[in-house]
């Protein structure tokens, strides 16, 4: 799955972890989104999936496409990144 990473956990020599938030720009988020859309295209065939599974996949793909229009800044887009349909997990 392709999801933006929210933070990196770096283990220190003393065994503790330093947490570093990751910031993205729109170009990077579009690259994540586009990669996931390509992966989803591989699952979307004329006769598969069917019924509710097909609609869930179509809704997910639409949510991915709508990310730039639905969020004003990158951090908001990352925090609300769409989740794949349950049947694909």
C-alpha atoms as a PDB file:
ATOM      1  CA  UNK A   1       0.000   0.000   0.000  1.00  0.00           C
ATOM      2  CA  UNK A   2       1.120   3.506  -0.614  1.00  0.00           C
ATOM      3  CA  UNK A   3       0.407   5.914   2.192  1.00  0.00           C
ATOM      4  CA  UNK A   4       2.348   8.979   3.219  1.00  0.00           C
ATOM      5  CA  UNK A   5       4.466   8.342   6.302  1.00  0.00           C
ATOM      6  CA  UNK A   6       3.512  10.649   9.163  1.00  0.00           C
ATOM      7  CA  UNK A   7       6.730  10.406  11.140  1.00  0.00           C
ATOM      8  CA  UNK A   8      10.027   8.593  11.383  1.00  0.00           C
ATOM      9  CA  UNK A   9      11.100   6.814  14.553  1.00  0.00           C
ATOM     10  CA  UNK A  10      14.873   6.797  14.868  1.00  0.00           C
ATOM     11  CA  UNK A  11      16.355   4.590  17.578  1.00  0.00           C
ATOM     12  CA  UNK A  12      19.103   6.311  19.503  1.00  0.00           C
ATOM     13  CA  UNK A  13      22.206   4.642  20.935  1.00  0.00           C
ATOM     14  CA  UNK A  14      20.635   4.649  24.408  1.00  0.00           C
ATOM     15  CA  UNK A  15      17.623   2.675  23.136  1.00  0.00           C
ATOM     16  CA  UNK A  16      15.192   5.579  23.150  1.00  0.00           C
ATOM     17  CA  UNK A  17      13.480   6.832  20.011  1.00  0.00           C
ATOM     18  CA  UNK A  18      13.539  10.234  18.440  1.00  0.00           C
ATOM     19  CA  UNK A  19      10.347  11.011  16.513  1.00  0.00           C
ATOM     20  CA  UNK A  20      10.711  13.241  13.480  1.00  0.00           C
ATOM     21  CA  UNK A  21       7.537  14.458  11.758  1.00  0.00           C
ATOM     22  CA  UNK A  22       7.558  14.205   7.973  1.00  0.00           C
ATOM     23  CA  UNK A  23       6.310  17.105   5.904  1.00  0.00           C
ATOM     24  CA  UNK A  24       5.181  16.706   2.301  1.00  0.00           C
ATOM     25  CA  UNK A  25       4.526  19.099  -0.499  1.00  0.00           C
ATOM     26  CA  UNK A  26       1.698  18.716  -3.018  1.00  0.00           C
ATOM     27  CA  UNK A  27       4.043  17.304  -5.650  1.00  0.00           C
ATOM     28  CA  UNK A  28       4.991  14.408  -3.339  1.00  0.00           C
ATOM     29  CA  UNK A  29       1.390  13.762  -2.297  1.00  0.00           C
ATOM     30  CA  UNK A  30       0.270  13.674  -5.918  1.00  0.00           C
ATOM     31  CA  UNK A  31       3.024  11.120  -6.610  1.00  0.00           C
ATOM     32  CA  UNK A  32       1.727   8.922  -3.736  1.00  0.00           C
ATOM     33  CA  UNK A  33      -1.805   9.315  -4.997  1.00  0.00           C
ATOM     34  CA  UNK A  34      -0.928   8.612  -8.623  1.00  0.00           C
ATOM     35  CA  UNK A  35       0.986   5.461  -7.678  1.00  0.00           C
ATOM     36  CA  UNK A  36      -2.000   4.178  -5.727  1.00  0.00           C
ATOM     37  CA  UNK A  37      -4.390   5.000  -8.600  1.00  0.00           C
ATOM     38  CA  UNK A  38      -2.195   2.946 -10.938  1.00  0.00           C
ATOM     39  CA  UNK A  39      -2.297   0.030  -8.484  1.00  0.00           C
ATOM     40  CA  UNK A  40      -6.063   0.285  -8.254  1.00  0.00           C
ATOM     41  CA  UNK A  41      -6.410   0.334 -12.044  1.00  0.00           C
ATOM     42  CA  UNK A  42      -4.873  -3.142 -12.015  1.00  0.00           C
ATOM     43  CA  UNK A  43      -7.763  -4.344  -9.814  1.00  0.00           C
ATOM     44  CA  UNK A  44     -10.539  -2.695 -11.810  1.00  0.00           C
ATOM     45  CA  UNK A  45     -11.587  -4.919 -14.677  1.00  0.00           C
ATOM     46  CA  UNK A  46     -14.748  -4.784 -16.771  1.00  0.00           C
ATOM     47  CA  UNK A  47     -16.329  -7.701 -14.899  1.00  0.00           C
ATOM     48  CA  UNK A  48     -14.419  -7.596 -11.591  1.00  0.00           C
ATOM     49  CA  UNK A  49     -14.982  -6.674  -8.871  1.00  0.00           C
ATOM     50  CA  UNK A  50     -18.756  -6.722  -8.773  1.00  0.00           C
ATOM     51  CA  UNK A  51     -21.494  -5.268  -6.584  1.00  0.00           C
ATOM     52  CA  UNK A  52     -20.534  -3.503  -3.349  1.00  0.00           C
ATOM     53  CA  UNK A  53     -16.841  -4.342  -3.786  1.00  0.00           C
ATOM     54  CA  UNK A  54     -16.772  -2.570  -7.135  1.00  0.00           C
ATOM     55  CA  UNK A  55     -18.511   0.493  -5.718  1.00  0.00           C
ATOM     56  CA  UNK A  56     -16.104   0.593  -2.756  1.00  0.00           C
ATOM     57  CA  UNK A  57     -13.153   0.569  -5.163  1.00  0.00           C
ATOM     58  CA  UNK A  58     -14.701   3.291  -7.334  1.00  0.00           C
ATOM     59  CA  UNK A  59     -15.376   5.417  -4.227  1.00  0.00           C
ATOM     60  CA  UNK A  60     -11.794   4.936  -3.032  1.00  0.00           C
ATOM     61  CA  UNK A  61     -10.383   5.939  -6.418  1.00  0.00           C
ATOM     62  CA  UNK A  62     -12.587   9.044  -6.430  1.00  0.00           C
ATOM     63  CA  UNK A  63     -11.460   9.968  -2.904  1.00  0.00           C
ATOM     64  CA  UNK A  64      -7.843   9.711  -4.062  1.00  0.00           C
ATOM     65  CA  UNK A  65      -8.517  11.919  -7.081  1.00  0.00           C
ATOM     66  CA  UNK A  66     -10.294  14.496  -4.911  1.00  0.00           C
ATOM     67  CA  UNK A  67      -7.454  14.961  -2.405  1.00  0.00           C
ATOM     68  CA  UNK A  68      -6.040  18.203  -3.895  1.00  0.00           C
ATOM     69  CA  UNK A  69      -9.499  19.788  -4.139  1.00  0.00           C
ATOM     70  CA  UNK A  70     -10.695  18.700  -0.688  1.00  0.00           C
ATOM     71  CA  UNK A  71      -7.798  19.894   1.468  1.00  0.00           C
ATOM     72  CA  UNK A  72      -6.171  23.285   1.721  1.00  0.00           C
ATOM     73  CA  UNK A  73      -2.804  22.137   3.012  1.00  0.00           C
ATOM     74  CA  UNK A  74      -0.607  19.095   2.804  1.00  0.00           C
ATOM     75  CA  UNK A  75      -0.773  18.104   6.475  1.00  0.00           C
ATOM     76  CA  UNK A  76      -4.575  18.054   6.356  1.00  0.00           C
ATOM     77  CA  UNK A  77      -4.465  15.842   3.253  1.00  0.00           C
ATOM     78  CA  UNK A  78      -2.067  13.396   4.938  1.00  0.00           C
ATOM     79  CA  UNK A  79      -4.190  13.259   8.107  1.00  0.00           C
ATOM     80  CA  UNK A  80      -7.287  12.413   6.034  1.00  0.00           C
ATOM     81  CA  UNK A  81      -5.698  10.085   3.488  1.00  0.00           C
ATOM     82  CA  UNK A  82      -8.339   7.663   2.119  1.00  0.00           C
ATOM     83  CA  UNK A  83      -8.273   4.041   3.232  1.00  0.00           C
ATOM     84  CA  UNK A  84      -8.445   1.159   0.788  1.00  0.00           C
ATOM     85  CA  UNK A  85     -11.682  -0.824   0.716  1.00  0.00           C
ATOM     86  CA  UNK A  86     -11.750  -3.459   3.459  1.00  0.00           C
ATOM     87  CA  UNK A  87     -11.884  -6.352   0.998  1.00  0.00           C
ATOM     88  CA  UNK A  88      -8.486  -5.246  -0.339  1.00  0.00           C
ATOM     89  CA  UNK A  89      -6.708  -5.281   3.018  1.00  0.00           C
END
